[in-house]
């Protein structure tokens, strides 16, 4: 089943946002981010230390550069946005 998740207050037409599933490294459990949590990333949000920032690293898996969450600036990676929402699905 494919579809759309609509969240009031966020418009994909006016804001540069994307979603990505979290991997299973479990480093951000205290933020509610578990394996396969869906992260909504706002590319218009500036970097902010202590917040859930997303970076594109040089590590390539399956032909794609990998994304990494960090609370701190990563000098060796490109900042791409900040997590503004996480969604967890429970069976």
C-alpha atoms as a PDB file:
ATOM      1  CA  UNK A   1       0.000   0.000   0.000  1.00  0.00           C
ATOM      2  CA  UNK A   2       1.397   3.369  -1.001  1.00  0.00           C
ATOM      3  CA  UNK A   3       0.067   6.712  -0.023  1.00  0.00           C
ATOM      4  CA  UNK A   4       0.711  10.079   1.481  1.00  0.00           C
ATOM      5  CA  UNK A   5       1.045  11.181   5.042  1.00  0.00           C
ATOM      6  CA  UNK A   6      -0.406  14.669   5.394  1.00  0.00           C
ATOM      7  CA  UNK A   7       0.588  16.695   8.405  1.00  0.00           C
ATOM      8  CA  UNK A   8      -1.150  19.990   9.010  1.00  0.00           C
ATOM      9  CA  UNK A   9       1.272  22.884   9.225  1.00  0.00           C
ATOM     10  CA  UNK A  10       3.822  21.448   6.781  1.00  0.00           C
ATOM     11  CA  UNK A  11       3.531  22.138   3.077  1.00  0.00           C
ATOM     12  CA  UNK A  12       5.772  20.315   0.622  1.00  0.00           C
ATOM     13  CA  UNK A  13       5.029  22.969  -1.982  1.00  0.00           C
ATOM     14  CA  UNK A  14       6.481  25.880  -0.020  1.00  0.00           C
ATOM     15  CA  UNK A  15       9.097  24.132   2.081  1.00  0.00           C
ATOM     16  CA  UNK A  16      12.031  21.971   1.116  1.00  0.00           C
ATOM     17  CA  UNK A  17      11.400  18.810   3.097  1.00  0.00           C
ATOM     18  CA  UNK A  18      12.108  15.139   2.711  1.00  0.00           C
ATOM     19  CA  UNK A  19      11.602  12.026   4.787  1.00  0.00           C
ATOM     20  CA  UNK A  20      14.032   9.232   5.506  1.00  0.00           C
ATOM     21  CA  UNK A  21      13.861   6.105   7.678  1.00  0.00           C
ATOM     22  CA  UNK A  22      16.263   5.904  10.633  1.00  0.00           C
ATOM     23  CA  UNK A  23      18.766   3.065  10.697  1.00  0.00           C
ATOM     24  CA  UNK A  24      19.191   0.703  13.612  1.00  0.00           C
ATOM     25  CA  UNK A  25      22.198   2.186  15.405  1.00  0.00           C
ATOM     26  CA  UNK A  26      19.914   3.356  18.266  1.00  0.00           C
ATOM     27  CA  UNK A  27      22.050   6.372  19.188  1.00  0.00           C
ATOM     28  CA  UNK A  28      19.038   8.675  19.505  1.00  0.00           C
ATOM     29  CA  UNK A  29      16.569   6.563  21.480  1.00  0.00           C
ATOM     30  CA  UNK A  30      16.247   9.345  24.068  1.00  0.00           C
ATOM     31  CA  UNK A  31      14.844  11.527  21.240  1.00  0.00           C
ATOM     32  CA  UNK A  32      12.272   8.879  20.315  1.00  0.00           C
ATOM     33  CA  UNK A  33      14.184   7.755  17.229  1.00  0.00           C
ATOM     34  CA  UNK A  34      14.307   3.967  16.889  1.00  0.00           C
ATOM     35  CA  UNK A  35      15.091   1.723  13.923  1.00  0.00           C
ATOM     36  CA  UNK A  36      12.771   2.552  11.004  1.00  0.00           C
ATOM     37  CA  UNK A  37      11.404   5.723  12.589  1.00  0.00           C
ATOM     38  CA  UNK A  38      10.394   8.082   9.814  1.00  0.00           C
ATOM     39  CA  UNK A  39      12.289  11.379  10.050  1.00  0.00           C
ATOM     40  CA  UNK A  40      10.895  14.528   8.443  1.00  0.00           C
ATOM     41  CA  UNK A  41      13.804  16.806   7.556  1.00  0.00           C
ATOM     42  CA  UNK A  42      13.402  20.513   6.800  1.00  0.00           C
ATOM     43  CA  UNK A  43      16.163  21.720   4.493  1.00  0.00           C
ATOM     44  CA  UNK A  44      15.327  25.372   5.218  1.00  0.00           C
ATOM     45  CA  UNK A  45      16.203  25.065   8.913  1.00  0.00           C
ATOM     46  CA  UNK A  46      19.737  26.252   9.740  1.00  0.00           C
ATOM     47  CA  UNK A  47      22.221  24.147  11.672  1.00  0.00           C
ATOM     48  CA  UNK A  48      21.737  24.440  15.407  1.00  0.00           C
ATOM     49  CA  UNK A  49      24.053  22.782  17.939  1.00  0.00           C
ATOM     50  CA  UNK A  50      22.227  20.442  20.285  1.00  0.00           C
ATOM     51  CA  UNK A  51      19.395  19.819  17.791  1.00  0.00           C
ATOM     52  CA  UNK A  52      18.843  16.845  15.460  1.00  0.00           C
ATOM     53  CA  UNK A  53      20.829  17.959  12.410  1.00  0.00           C
ATOM     54  CA  UNK A  54      21.166  15.843   9.249  1.00  0.00           C
ATOM     55  CA  UNK A  55      24.407  15.604   7.274  1.00  0.00           C
ATOM     56  CA  UNK A  56      25.314  13.886   3.989  1.00  0.00           C
ATOM     57  CA  UNK A  57      28.529  11.919   4.461  1.00  0.00           C
ATOM     58  CA  UNK A  58      31.021  10.649   1.893  1.00  0.00           C
ATOM     59  CA  UNK A  59      30.218   7.034   2.845  1.00  0.00           C
ATOM     60  CA  UNK A  60      28.486   5.331  -0.085  1.00  0.00           C
ATOM     61  CA  UNK A  61      26.148   2.348   0.298  1.00  0.00           C
ATOM     62  CA  UNK A  62      24.176   0.975  -2.663  1.00  0.00           C
ATOM     63  CA  UNK A  63      25.398   3.881  -4.793  1.00  0.00           C
ATOM     64  CA  UNK A  64      24.106   6.594  -2.454  1.00  0.00           C
ATOM     65  CA  UNK A  65      25.869   8.876  -0.005  1.00  0.00           C
ATOM     66  CA  UNK A  66      24.646   8.153   3.494  1.00  0.00           C
ATOM     67  CA  UNK A  67      22.875  10.551   5.844  1.00  0.00           C
ATOM     68  CA  UNK A  68      23.881  10.931   9.477  1.00  0.00           C
ATOM     69  CA  UNK A  69      22.153  12.542  12.463  1.00  0.00           C
ATOM     70  CA  UNK A  70      24.331  14.666  14.709  1.00  0.00           C
ATOM     71  CA  UNK A  71      23.847  17.127  17.545  1.00  0.00           C
ATOM     72  CA  UNK A  72      27.172  18.716  16.613  1.00  0.00           C
ATOM     73  CA  UNK A  73      28.675  20.136  13.422  1.00  0.00           C
ATOM     74  CA  UNK A  74      30.377  17.452  11.326  1.00  0.00           C
ATOM     75  CA  UNK A  75      33.321  19.031   9.538  1.00  0.00           C
ATOM     76  CA  UNK A  76      33.687  16.169   7.059  1.00  0.00           C
ATOM     77  CA  UNK A  77      30.029  16.125   5.945  1.00  0.00           C
ATOM     78  CA  UNK A  78      27.566  18.468   4.220  1.00  0.00           C
ATOM     79  CA  UNK A  79      24.727  19.877   6.318  1.00  0.00           C
ATOM     80  CA  UNK A  80      21.367  19.209   4.632  1.00  0.00           C
ATOM     81  CA  UNK A  81      18.689  20.089   7.199  1.00  0.00           C
ATOM     82  CA  UNK A  82      17.197  19.515  10.614  1.00  0.00           C
ATOM     83  CA  UNK A  83      14.739  16.910  11.864  1.00  0.00           C
ATOM     84  CA  UNK A  84      11.421  18.600  12.627  1.00  0.00           C
ATOM     85  CA  UNK A  85       9.283  15.510  13.186  1.00  0.00           C
ATOM     86  CA  UNK A  86       9.688  11.795  13.874  1.00  0.00           C
ATOM     87  CA  UNK A  87       7.039   9.150  13.365  1.00  0.00           C
ATOM     88  CA  UNK A  88       7.125   5.649  14.831  1.00  0.00           C
ATOM     89  CA  UNK A  89       4.937   2.834  13.574  1.00  0.00           C
ATOM     90  CA  UNK A  90       3.920   0.013  15.892  1.00  0.00           C
ATOM     91  CA  UNK A  91       2.415  -3.249  14.683  1.00  0.00           C
END
